[in-house]
PDB file of all heavy atoms in Angstrom:
ATOM      1  N   ALA A   1      13.702 -39.792   9.077  1.00  0.00           N
ATOM      2  CA  ALA A   1      12.374 -39.200   9.263  1.00  0.00           C
ATOM      3  C   ALA A   1      11.265 -40.222   9.078  1.00  0.00           C
ATOM      4  O   ALA A   1      10.289 -40.214   9.835  1.00  0.00           O
ATOM      5  CB  ALA A   1      12.190 -38.030   8.309  1.00  0.00           C
ATOM      6  N   ASP A   2      11.389 -41.133   8.109  1.00  0.00           N
ATOM      7  CA  ASP A   2      10.309 -42.094   7.864  1.00  0.00           C
ATOM      8  C   ASP A   2      10.086 -43.017   9.058  1.00  0.00           C
ATOM      9  O   ASP A   2       8.950 -43.304   9.433  1.00  0.00           O
ATOM     10  CB  ASP A   2      10.550 -42.889   6.582  1.00  0.00           C
ATOM     11  CG  ASP A   2      11.853 -43.675   6.584  1.00  0.00           C
ATOM     12  OD1 ASP A   2      12.812 -43.256   7.269  1.00  0.00           O
ATOM     13  OD2 ASP A   2      11.914 -44.708   5.880  1.00  0.00           O
ATOM     14  N   VAL A   3      11.157 -43.468   9.695  1.00  0.00           N
ATOM     15  CA  VAL A   3      11.035 -44.355  10.854  1.00  0.00           C
ATOM     16  C   VAL A   3      10.461 -43.583  12.051  1.00  0.00           C
ATOM     17  O   VAL A   3       9.569 -44.067  12.738  1.00  0.00           O
ATOM     18  CB  VAL A   3      12.400 -44.982  11.227  1.00  0.00           C
ATOM     19  CG1 VAL A   3      12.289 -45.800  12.506  1.00  0.00           C
ATOM     20  CG2 VAL A   3      12.903 -45.845  10.087  1.00  0.00           C
ATOM     21  N   VAL A   4      10.958 -42.374  12.270  1.00  0.00           N
ATOM     22  CA  VAL A   4      10.487 -41.557  13.387  1.00  0.00           C
ATOM     23  C   VAL A   4       9.015 -41.189  13.187  1.00  0.00           C
ATOM     24  O   VAL A   4       8.206 -41.266  14.121  1.00  0.00           O
ATOM     25  CB  VAL A   4      11.369 -40.303  13.572  1.00  0.00           C
ATOM     26  CG1 VAL A   4      10.812 -39.410  14.667  1.00  0.00           C
ATOM     27  CG2 VAL A   4      12.798 -40.708  13.893  1.00  0.00           C
ATOM     28  N   LEU A   5       8.652 -40.804  11.965  1.00  0.00           N
ATOM     29  CA  LEU A   5       7.251 -40.469  11.687  1.00  0.00           C
ATOM     30  C   LEU A   5       6.345 -41.679  11.867  1.00  0.00           C
ATOM     31  O   LEU A   5       5.232 -41.566  12.383  1.00  0.00           O
ATOM     32  CB  LEU A   5       7.102 -39.903  10.274  1.00  0.00           C
ATOM     33  CG  LEU A   5       7.610 -38.485  10.080  1.00  0.00           C
ATOM     34  CD1 LEU A   5       7.586 -38.104   8.607  1.00  0.00           C
ATOM     35  CD2 LEU A   5       6.794 -37.506  10.908  1.00  0.00           C
ATOM     36  N   ASP A   6       6.814 -42.849  11.457  1.00  0.00           N
ATOM     37  CA  ASP A   6       6.006 -44.059  11.588  1.00  0.00           C
ATOM     38  C   ASP A   6       5.716 -44.374  13.058  1.00  0.00           C
ATOM     39  O   ASP A   6       4.565 -44.583  13.432  1.00  0.00           O
ATOM     40  CB  ASP A   6       6.698 -45.256  10.920  1.00  0.00           C
ATOM     41  CG  ASP A   6       5.892 -46.521  11.076  1.00  0.00           C
ATOM     42  OD1 ASP A   6       4.727 -46.548  10.596  1.00  0.00           O
ATOM     43  OD2 ASP A   6       6.398 -47.482  11.694  1.00  0.00           O
ATOM     44  N   ILE A   7       6.743 -44.403  13.888  1.00  0.00           N
ATOM     45  CA  ILE A   7       6.494 -44.707  15.305  1.00  0.00           C
ATOM     46  C   ILE A   7       5.711 -43.574  15.954  1.00  0.00           C
ATOM     47  O   ILE A   7       4.859 -43.813  16.805  1.00  0.00           O
ATOM     48  CB  ILE A   7       7.799 -45.037  16.084  1.00  0.00           C
ATOM     49  CG1 ILE A   7       7.469 -45.594  17.488  1.00  0.00           C
ATOM     50  CG2 ILE A   7       8.705 -43.834  16.208  1.00  0.00           C
ATOM     51  CD1 ILE A   7       6.750 -46.908  17.509  1.00  0.00           C
ATOM     52  N   GLY A   8       5.955 -42.341  15.549  1.00  0.00           N
ATOM     53  CA  GLY A   8       5.184 -41.221  16.084  1.00  0.00           C
ATOM     54  C   GLY A   8       3.705 -41.360  15.768  1.00  0.00           C
ATOM     55  O   GLY A   8       2.847 -41.136  16.628  1.00  0.00           O
ATOM     56  N   HIS A   9       3.393 -41.769  14.543  1.00  0.00           N
ATOM     57  CA  HIS A   9       2.003 -41.977  14.142  1.00  0.00           C
ATOM     58  C   HIS A   9       1.373 -43.109  14.946  1.00  0.00           C
ATOM     59  O   HIS A   9       0.244 -42.988  15.441  1.00  0.00           O
ATOM     60  CB  HIS A   9       1.944 -42.277  12.638  1.00  0.00           C
ATOM     61  CG  HIS A   9       0.565 -42.456  12.127  1.00  0.00           C
ATOM     62  ND1 HIS A   9       0.076 -43.673  11.734  1.00  0.00           N
ATOM     63  CD2 HIS A   9      -0.444 -41.561  11.949  1.00  0.00           C
ATOM     64  CE1 HIS A   9      -1.171 -43.533  11.337  1.00  0.00           C
ATOM     65  NE2 HIS A   9      -1.513 -42.258  11.459  1.00  0.00           N
ATOM     66  N   ARG A  10       2.096 -44.196  15.102  1.00  0.00           N
ATOM     67  CA  ARG A  10       1.566 -45.338  15.860  1.00  0.00           C
ATOM     68  C   ARG A  10       1.384 -44.989  17.338  1.00  0.00           C
ATOM     69  O   ARG A  10       0.393 -45.395  17.962  1.00  0.00           O
ATOM     70  CB  ARG A  10       2.460 -46.559  15.678  1.00  0.00           C
ATOM     71  CG  ARG A  10       2.373 -47.076  14.228  1.00  0.00           C
ATOM     72  CD  ARG A  10       3.097 -48.377  13.975  1.00  0.00           C
ATOM     73  NE  ARG A  10       4.538 -48.231  14.150  1.00  0.00           N
ATOM     74  CZ  ARG A  10       5.286 -49.104  14.810  1.00  0.00           C
ATOM     75  NH1 ARG A  10       4.766 -50.169  15.366  1.00  0.00           N
ATOM     76  NH2 ARG A  10       6.586 -48.907  14.923  1.00  0.00           N
ATOM     77  N   ILE A  11       2.299 -44.220  17.906  1.00  0.00           N
ATOM     78  CA  ILE A  11       2.156 -43.807  19.306  1.00  0.00           C
ATOM     79  C   ILE A  11       0.988 -42.828  19.450  1.00  0.00           C
ATOM     80  O   ILE A  11       0.226 -42.903  20.416  1.00  0.00           O
ATOM     81  CB  ILE A  11       3.473 -43.228  19.846  1.00  0.00           C
ATOM     82  CG1 ILE A  11       4.474 -44.368  20.029  1.00  0.00           C
ATOM     83  CG2 ILE A  11       3.251 -42.488  21.166  1.00  0.00           C
ATOM     84  CD1 ILE A  11       5.858 -43.932  20.424  1.00  0.00           C
ATOM     85  N   ALA A  12       0.814 -41.949  18.474  1.00  0.00           N
ATOM     86  CA  ALA A  12      -0.325 -41.021  18.513  1.00  0.00           C
ATOM     87  C   ALA A  12      -1.646 -41.787  18.482  1.00  0.00           C
ATOM     88  O   ALA A  12      -2.583 -41.452  19.221  1.00  0.00           O
ATOM     89  CB  ALA A  12      -0.246 -40.034  17.350  1.00  0.00           C
ATOM     90  N   MET A  13      -1.725 -42.826  17.657  1.00  0.00           N
ATOM     91  CA  MET A  13      -2.946 -43.644  17.622  1.00  0.00           C
ATOM     92  C   MET A  13      -3.163 -44.319  18.976  1.00  0.00           C
ATOM     93  O   MET A  13      -4.293 -44.406  19.471  1.00  0.00           O
ATOM     94  CB  MET A  13      -2.873 -44.673  16.502  1.00  0.00           C
ATOM     95  CG  MET A  13      -2.999 -44.055  15.128  1.00  0.00           C
ATOM     96  SD  MET A  13      -3.230 -45.238  13.775  1.00  0.00           S
ATOM     97  CE  MET A  13      -1.826 -46.314  13.951  1.00  0.00           C
ATOM     98  N   HIS A  14      -2.080 -44.795  19.566  1.00  0.00           N
ATOM     99  CA  HIS A  14      -2.186 -45.421  20.887  1.00  0.00           C
ATOM    100  C   HIS A  14      -2.708 -44.420  21.922  1.00  0.00           C
ATOM    101  O   HIS A  14      -3.600 -44.738  22.707  1.00  0.00           O
ATOM    102  CB  HIS A  14      -0.829 -45.977  21.343  1.00  0.00           C
ATOM    103  CG  HIS A  14      -0.845 -46.392  22.765  1.00  0.00           C
ATOM    104  ND1 HIS A  14      -1.268 -47.641  23.163  1.00  0.00           N
ATOM    105  CD2 HIS A  14      -0.561 -45.711  23.911  1.00  0.00           C
ATOM    106  CE1 HIS A  14      -1.225 -47.706  24.485  1.00  0.00           C
ATOM    107  NE2 HIS A  14      -0.797 -46.542  24.961  1.00  0.00           N
ATOM    108  N   ILE A  15      -2.162 -43.217  21.933  1.00  0.00           N
ATOM    109  CA  ILE A  15      -2.573 -42.187  22.889  1.00  0.00           C
ATOM    110  C   ILE A  15      -4.045 -41.849  22.695  1.00  0.00           C
ATOM    111  O   ILE A  15      -4.793 -41.705  23.662  1.00  0.00           O
ATOM    112  CB  ILE A  15      -1.680 -40.936  22.775  1.00  0.00           C
ATOM    113  CG1 ILE A  15      -0.260 -41.270  23.251  1.00  0.00           C
ATOM    114  CG2 ILE A  15      -2.264 -39.768  23.564  1.00  0.00           C
ATOM    115  CD1 ILE A  15       0.779 -40.216  22.910  1.00  0.00           C
ATOM    116  N   ALA A  16      -4.481 -41.746  21.444  1.00  0.00           N
ATOM    117  CA  ALA A  16      -5.892 -41.468  21.162  1.00  0.00           C
ATOM    118  C   ALA A  16      -6.785 -42.562  21.750  1.00  0.00           C
ATOM    119  O   ALA A  16      -7.831 -42.274  22.332  1.00  0.00           O
ATOM    120  CB  ALA A  16      -6.125 -41.344  19.662  1.00  0.00           C
ATOM    121  N   ALA A  17      -6.354 -43.807  21.627  1.00  0.00           N
ATOM    122  CA  ALA A  17      -7.158 -44.931  22.105  1.00  0.00           C
ATOM    123  C   ALA A  17      -7.065 -45.151  23.613  1.00  0.00           C
ATOM    124  O   ALA A  17      -8.055 -45.513  24.257  1.00  0.00           O
ATOM    125  CB  ALA A  17      -6.719 -46.210  21.389  1.00  0.00           C
ATOM    126  N   SER A  18      -5.884 -44.923  24.189  1.00  0.00           N
ATOM    127  CA  SER A  18      -5.653 -45.314  25.583  1.00  0.00           C
ATOM    128  C   SER A  18      -5.606 -44.175  26.590  1.00  0.00           C
ATOM    129  O   SER A  18      -5.607 -44.432  27.790  1.00  0.00           O
ATOM    130  CB  SER A  18      -4.349 -46.115  25.671  1.00  0.00           C
ATOM    131  OG  SER A  18      -4.436 -47.260  24.848  1.00  0.00           O
ATOM    132  N   ALA A  19      -5.517 -42.948  26.141  1.00  0.00           N
ATOM    133  CA  ALA A  19      -5.555 -41.757  26.997  1.00  0.00           C
ATOM    134  C   ALA A  19      -4.619 -41.809  28.205  1.00  0.00           C
ATOM    135  O   ALA A  19      -5.048 -41.647  29.348  1.00  0.00           O
ATOM    136  CB  ALA A  19      -6.981 -41.482  27.453  1.00  0.00           C
ATOM    137  N   PRO A  20      -3.310 -42.024  27.981  1.00  0.00           N
ATOM    138  CA  PRO A  20      -2.390 -41.968  29.123  1.00  0.00           C
ATOM    139  C   PRO A  20      -2.325 -40.539  29.670  1.00  0.00           C
ATOM    140  O   PRO A  20      -2.747 -39.593  29.008  1.00  0.00           O
ATOM    141  CB  PRO A  20      -1.049 -42.377  28.512  1.00  0.00           C
ATOM    142  CG  PRO A  20      -1.162 -41.988  27.082  1.00  0.00           C
ATOM    143  CD  PRO A  20      -2.600 -42.187  26.714  1.00  0.00           C
ATOM    144  N   THR A  21      -1.796 -40.408  30.870  1.00  0.00           N
ATOM    145  CA  THR A  21      -1.677 -39.097  31.499  1.00  0.00           C
ATOM    146  C   THR A  21      -0.246 -38.590  31.478  1.00  0.00           C
ATOM    147  O   THR A  21      -0.024 -37.399  31.305  1.00  0.00           O
ATOM    148  CB  THR A  21      -2.178 -39.178  32.963  1.00  0.00           C
ATOM    149  OG1 THR A  21      -3.494 -39.763  32.960  1.00  0.00           O
ATOM    150  CG2 THR A  21      -2.251 -37.806  33.599  1.00  0.00           C
ATOM    151  N   TRP A  22       0.715 -39.497  31.657  1.00  0.00           N
ATOM    152  CA  TRP A  22       2.129 -39.118  31.713  1.00  0.00           C
ATOM    153  C   TRP A  22       2.941 -39.979  30.756  1.00  0.00           C
ATOM    154  O   TRP A  22       2.566 -41.115  30.461  1.00  0.00           O
ATOM    155  CB  TRP A  22       2.676 -39.274  33.126  1.00  0.00           C
ATOM    156  CG  TRP A  22       2.033 -38.349  34.105  1.00  0.00           C
ATOM    157  CD1 TRP A  22       2.300 -37.015  34.272  1.00  0.00           C
ATOM    158  CD2 TRP A  22       0.994 -38.648  35.039  1.00  0.00           C
ATOM    159  NE1 TRP A  22       1.493 -36.488  35.254  1.00  0.00           N
ATOM    160  CE2 TRP A  22       0.681 -37.456  35.746  1.00  0.00           C
ATOM    161  CE3 TRP A  22       0.286 -39.796  35.352  1.00  0.00           C
ATOM    162  CZ2 TRP A  22      -0.288 -37.398  36.737  1.00  0.00           C
ATOM    163  CZ3 TRP A  22      -0.692 -39.738  36.334  1.00  0.00           C
ATOM    164  CH2 TRP A  22      -0.961 -38.548  37.016  1.00  0.00           C
ATOM    165  N   VAL A  23       4.086 -39.474  30.310  1.00  0.00           N
ATOM    166  CA  VAL A  23       4.966 -40.214  29.409  1.00  0.00           C
ATOM    167  C   VAL A  23       5.664 -41.339  30.159  1.00  0.00           C
ATOM    168  O   VAL A  23       5.666 -42.482  29.738  1.00  0.00           O
ATOM    169  CB  VAL A  23       6.020 -39.290  28.750  1.00  0.00           C
ATOM    170  CG1 VAL A  23       7.030 -40.107  27.950  1.00  0.00           C
ATOM    171  CG2 VAL A  23       5.360 -38.258  27.855  1.00  0.00           C
ATOM    172  N   SER A  24       6.271 -41.015  31.301  1.00  0.00           N
ATOM    173  CA  SER A  24       7.033 -42.015  32.051  1.00  0.00           C
ATOM    174  C   SER A  24       6.696 -41.939  33.539  1.00  0.00           C
ATOM    175  O   SER A  24       6.079 -40.980  34.002  1.00  0.00           O
ATOM    176  CB  SER A  24       8.533 -41.812  31.851  1.00  0.00           C
ATOM    177  OG  SER A  24       8.935 -40.594  32.424  1.00  0.00           O
ATOM    178  N   LEU A  25       7.125 -42.946  34.244  1.00  0.00           N
ATOM    179  CA  LEU A  25       6.888 -43.034  35.685  1.00  0.00           C
ATOM    180  C   LEU A  25       7.444 -41.819  36.412  1.00  0.00           C
ATOM    181  O   LEU A  25       6.819 -41.298  37.338  1.00  0.00           O
ATOM    182  CB  LEU A  25       7.539 -44.316  36.204  1.00  0.00           C
ATOM    183  CG  LEU A  25       7.128 -44.867  37.551  1.00  0.00           C
ATOM    184  CD1 LEU A  25       5.629 -45.085  37.629  1.00  0.00           C
ATOM    185  CD2 LEU A  25       7.849 -46.165  37.820  1.00  0.00           C
ATOM    186  N   GLU A  26       8.589 -41.336  35.961  1.00  0.00           N
ATOM    187  CA  GLU A  26       9.247 -40.197  36.598  1.00  0.00           C
ATOM    188  C   GLU A  26       8.443 -38.903  36.443  1.00  0.00           C
ATOM    189  O   GLU A  26       8.652 -37.943  37.178  1.00  0.00           O
ATOM    190  CB  GLU A  26      10.651 -39.999  36.025  1.00  0.00           C
ATOM    191  CG  GLU A  26      11.609 -41.133  36.318  1.00  0.00           C
ATOM    192  CD  GLU A  26      11.378 -42.355  35.428  1.00  0.00           C
ATOM    193  OE1 GLU A  26      10.809 -42.226  34.320  1.00  0.00           O
ATOM    194  OE2 GLU A  26      11.742 -43.461  35.848  1.00  0.00           O
ATOM    195  N   ASP A  27       7.526 -38.859  35.490  1.00  0.00           N
ATOM    196  CA  ASP A  27       6.726 -37.659  35.245  1.00  0.00           C
ATOM    197  C   ASP A  27       5.557 -37.506  36.217  1.00  0.00           C
ATOM    198  O   ASP A  27       4.967 -36.432  36.311  1.00  0.00           O
ATOM    199  CB  ASP A  27       6.171 -37.664  33.814  1.00  0.00           C
ATOM    200  CG  ASP A  27       7.254 -37.577  32.766  1.00  0.00           C
ATOM    201  OD1 ASP A  27       8.336 -37.024  33.071  1.00  0.00           O
ATOM    202  OD2 ASP A  27       7.031 -38.061  31.642  1.00  0.00           O
ATOM    203  N   ILE A  28       5.203 -38.566  36.917  1.00  0.00           N
ATOM    204  CA  ILE A  28       4.082 -38.488  37.849  1.00  0.00           C
ATOM    205  C   ILE A  28       4.513 -37.675  39.064  1.00  0.00           C
ATOM    206  O   ILE A  28       5.518 -38.002  39.704  1.00  0.00           O
ATOM    207  CB  ILE A  28       3.616 -39.881  38.312  1.00  0.00           C
ATOM    208  CG1 ILE A  28       3.227 -40.746  37.112  1.00  0.00           C
ATOM    209  CG2 ILE A  28       2.437 -39.763  39.278  1.00  0.00           C
ATOM    210  CD1 ILE A  28       2.871 -42.174  37.484  1.00  0.00           C
ATOM    211  N   PRO A  29       3.770 -36.620  39.401  1.00  0.00           N
ATOM    212  CA  PRO A  29       4.130 -35.828  40.581  1.00  0.00           C
ATOM    213  C   PRO A  29       4.111 -36.687  41.856  1.00  0.00           C
ATOM    214  O   PRO A  29       3.239 -37.555  42.030  1.00  0.00           O
ATOM    215  CB  PRO A  29       3.040 -34.754  40.643  1.00  0.00           C
ATOM    216  CG  PRO A  29       2.510 -34.669  39.242  1.00  0.00           C
ATOM    217  CD  PRO A  29       2.620 -36.063  38.686  1.00  0.00           C
ATOM    218  N   ALA A  30       5.073 -36.443  42.727  1.00  0.00           N
ATOM    219  CA  ALA A  30       5.205 -37.217  43.967  1.00  0.00           C
ATOM    220  C   ALA A  30       3.933 -37.174  44.795  1.00  0.00           C
ATOM    221  O   ALA A  30       3.549 -38.180  45.407  1.00  0.00           O
ATOM    222  CB  ALA A  30       6.390 -36.709  44.782  1.00  0.00           C
ATOM    223  N   GLU A  31       3.246 -36.025  44.803  1.00  0.00           N
ATOM    224  CA  GLU A  31       2.021 -35.926  45.603  1.00  0.00           C
ATOM    225  C   GLU A  31       0.906 -36.809  45.037  1.00  0.00           C
ATOM    226  O   GLU A  31       0.090 -37.336  45.794  1.00  0.00           O
ATOM    227  CB  GLU A  31       1.550 -34.472  45.755  1.00  0.00           C
ATOM    228  CG  GLU A  31       1.230 -33.756  44.459  1.00  0.00           C
ATOM    229  CD  GLU A  31       2.420 -33.063  43.817  1.00  0.00           C
ATOM    230  OE1 GLU A  31       3.568 -33.217  44.263  1.00  0.00           O
ATOM    231  OE2 GLU A  31       2.174 -32.358  42.818  1.00  0.00           O
ATOM    232  N   VAL A  32       0.888 -37.015  43.717  1.00  0.00           N
ATOM    233  CA  VAL A  32      -0.118 -37.895  43.117  1.00  0.00           C
ATOM    234  C   VAL A  32       0.151 -39.336  43.553  1.00  0.00           C
ATOM    235  O   VAL A  32      -0.769 -40.061  43.938  1.00  0.00           O
ATOM    236  CB  VAL A  32      -0.115 -37.770  41.577  1.00  0.00           C
ATOM    237  CG1 VAL A  32      -0.976 -38.849  40.934  1.00  0.00           C
ATOM    238  CG2 VAL A  32      -0.586 -36.386  41.153  1.00  0.00           C
ATOM    239  N   VAL A  33       1.414 -39.741  43.517  1.00  0.00           N
ATOM    240  CA  VAL A  33       1.785 -41.091  43.940  1.00  0.00           C
ATOM    241  C   VAL A  33       1.464 -41.284  45.426  1.00  0.00           C
ATOM    242  O   VAL A  33       0.898 -42.308  45.820  1.00  0.00           O
ATOM    243  CB  VAL A  33       3.277 -41.380  43.661  1.00  0.00           C
ATOM    244  CG1 VAL A  33       3.688 -42.731  44.233  1.00  0.00           C
ATOM    245  CG2 VAL A  33       3.554 -41.309  42.165  1.00  0.00           C
ATOM    246  N   ALA A  34       1.798 -40.299  46.248  1.00  0.00           N
ATOM    247  CA  ALA A  34       1.536 -40.392  47.689  1.00  0.00           C
ATOM    248  C   ALA A  34       0.041 -40.511  47.967  1.00  0.00           C
ATOM    249  O   ALA A  34      -0.378 -41.333  48.792  1.00  0.00           O
ATOM    250  CB  ALA A  34       2.125 -39.185  48.411  1.00  0.00           C
ATOM    251  N   GLU A  35      -0.765 -39.700  47.295  1.00  0.00           N
ATOM    252  CA  GLU A  35      -2.216 -39.756  47.496  1.00  0.00           C
ATOM    253  C   GLU A  35      -2.782 -41.102  47.057  1.00  0.00           C
ATOM    254  O   GLU A  35      -3.623 -41.681  47.747  1.00  0.00           O
ATOM    255  CB  GLU A  35      -2.908 -38.634  46.721  1.00  0.00           C
ATOM    256  CG  GLU A  35      -2.697 -37.264  47.326  1.00  0.00           C
ATOM    257  CD  GLU A  35      -3.257 -36.145  46.448  1.00  0.00           C
ATOM    258  OE1 GLU A  35      -4.040 -36.432  45.510  1.00  0.00           O
ATOM    259  OE2 GLU A  35      -2.904 -34.981  46.702  1.00  0.00           O
ATOM    260  N   LYS A  36      -2.328 -41.598  45.908  1.00  0.00           N
ATOM    261  CA  LYS A  36      -2.811 -42.886  45.405  1.00  0.00           C
ATOM    262  C   LYS A  36      -2.391 -44.003  46.339  1.00  0.00           C
ATOM    263  O   LYS A  36      -3.188 -44.889  46.665  1.00  0.00           O
ATOM    264  CB  LYS A  36      -2.267 -43.123  43.990  1.00  0.00           C
ATOM    265  CG  LYS A  36      -2.857 -44.328  43.318  1.00  0.00           C
ATOM    266  CD  LYS A  36      -4.321 -44.113  43.018  1.00  0.00           C
ATOM    267  CE  LYS A  36      -4.898 -45.270  42.234  1.00  0.00           C
ATOM    268  NZ  LYS A  36      -6.333 -45.111  41.979  1.00  0.00           N
ATOM    269  N   ARG A  37      -1.136 -43.967  46.808  1.00  0.00           N
ATOM    270  CA  ARG A  37      -0.649 -44.994  47.739  1.00  0.00           C
ATOM    271  C   ARG A  37      -1.462 -44.981  49.036  1.00  0.00           C
ATOM    272  O   ARG A  37      -1.856 -46.027  49.542  1.00  0.00           O
ATOM    273  CB  ARG A  37       0.831 -44.793  48.047  1.00  0.00           C
ATOM    274  CG  ARG A  37       1.426 -45.871  48.950  1.00  0.00           C
ATOM    275  CD  ARG A  37       2.891 -45.633  49.225  1.00  0.00           C
ATOM    276  NE  ARG A  37       3.727 -45.709  48.043  1.00  0.00           N
ATOM    277  CZ  ARG A  37       4.158 -46.853  47.502  1.00  0.00           C
ATOM    278  NH1 ARG A  37       3.808 -47.999  48.028  1.00  0.00           N
ATOM    279  NH2 ARG A  37       4.937 -46.829  46.435  1.00  0.00           N
ATOM    280  N   ALA A  38      -1.751 -43.797  49.563  1.00  0.00           N
ATOM    281  CA  ALA A  38      -2.531 -43.684  50.801  1.00  0.00           C
ATOM    282  C   ALA A  38      -3.934 -44.245  50.610  1.00  0.00           C
ATOM    283  O   ALA A  38      -4.431 -44.985  51.472  1.00  0.00           O
ATOM    284  CB  ALA A  38      -2.593 -42.225  51.246  1.00  0.00           C
ATOM    285  N   ALA A  39      -4.563 -43.916  49.499  1.00  0.00           N
ATOM    286  CA  ALA A  39      -5.917 -44.415  49.237  1.00  0.00           C
ATOM    287  C   ALA A  39      -5.922 -45.933  49.080  1.00  0.00           C
ATOM    288  O   ALA A  39      -6.800 -46.623  49.628  1.00  0.00           O
ATOM    289  CB  ALA A  39      -6.490 -43.751  47.988  1.00  0.00           C
ATOM    290  N   LEU A  40      -4.945 -46.470  48.360  1.00  0.00           N
ATOM    291  CA  LEU A  40      -4.863 -47.914  48.171  1.00  0.00           C
ATOM    292  C   LEU A  40      -4.541 -48.629  49.478  1.00  0.00           C
ATOM    293  O   LEU A  40      -5.058 -49.721  49.739  1.00  0.00           O
ATOM    294  CB  LEU A  40      -3.812 -48.253  47.105  1.00  0.00           C
ATOM    295  CG  LEU A  40      -4.158 -47.851  45.675  1.00  0.00           C
ATOM    296  CD1 LEU A  40      -2.961 -48.071  44.759  1.00  0.00           C
ATOM    297  CD2 LEU A  40      -5.376 -48.608  45.170  1.00  0.00           C
ATOM    298  N   THR A  41      -3.700 -48.015  50.307  1.00  0.00           N
ATOM    299  CA  THR A  41      -3.354 -48.604  51.606  1.00  0.00           C
ATOM    300  C   THR A  41      -4.588 -48.669  52.497  1.00  0.00           C
ATOM    301  O   THR A  41      -4.862 -49.704  53.127  1.00  0.00           O
ATOM    302  CB  THR A  41      -2.234 -47.800  52.290  1.00  0.00           C
ATOM    303  OG1 THR A  41      -1.071 -47.823  51.441  1.00  0.00           O
ATOM    304  CG2 THR A  41      -1.875 -48.379  53.649  1.00  0.00           C
ATOM    305  N   GLU A  42      -5.342 -47.592  52.559  1.00  0.00           N
ATOM    306  CA  GLU A  42      -6.570 -47.568  53.371  1.00  0.00           C
ATOM    307  C   GLU A  42      -7.552 -48.629  52.883  1.00  0.00           C
ATOM    308  O   GLU A  42      -8.140 -49.355  53.675  1.00  0.00           O
ATOM    309  CB  GLU A  42      -7.211 -46.174  53.319  1.00  0.00           C
ATOM    310  CG  GLU A  42      -8.460 -46.042  54.142  1.00  0.00           C
ATOM    311  CD  GLU A  42      -8.270 -46.390  55.619  1.00  0.00           C
ATOM    312  OE1 GLU A  42      -7.192 -46.118  56.173  1.00  0.00           O
ATOM    313  OE2 GLU A  42      -9.221 -46.956  56.221  1.00  0.00           O
ATOM    314  N   GLU A  43      -7.707 -48.723  51.581  1.00  0.00           N
ATOM    315  CA  GLU A  43      -8.618 -49.715  51.000  1.00  0.00           C
ATOM    316  C   GLU A  43      -8.165 -51.137  51.342  1.00  0.00           C
ATOM    317  O   GLU A  43      -8.969 -51.983  51.718  1.00  0.00           O
ATOM    318  CB  GLU A  43      -8.645 -49.515  49.485  1.00  0.00           C
ATOM    319  CG  GLU A  43      -9.555 -50.440  48.738  1.00  0.00           C
ATOM    320  CD  GLU A  43      -9.474 -50.202  47.240  1.00  0.00           C
ATOM    321  OE1 GLU A  43      -9.636 -49.041  46.804  1.00  0.00           O
ATOM    322  OE2 GLU A  43      -9.238 -51.185  46.509  1.00  0.00           O
TER     323      GLU A  43
END
């Protein structure tokens, strides 16, 4: 528990500071990736 709580606390501080949207790459909806890719391609 002490090790898990420690990394959990440090990750929580990171999330507070960095405001991620998803945990992992696989969590991003395919339509979000497609829309972002299309916008970046056009640009």
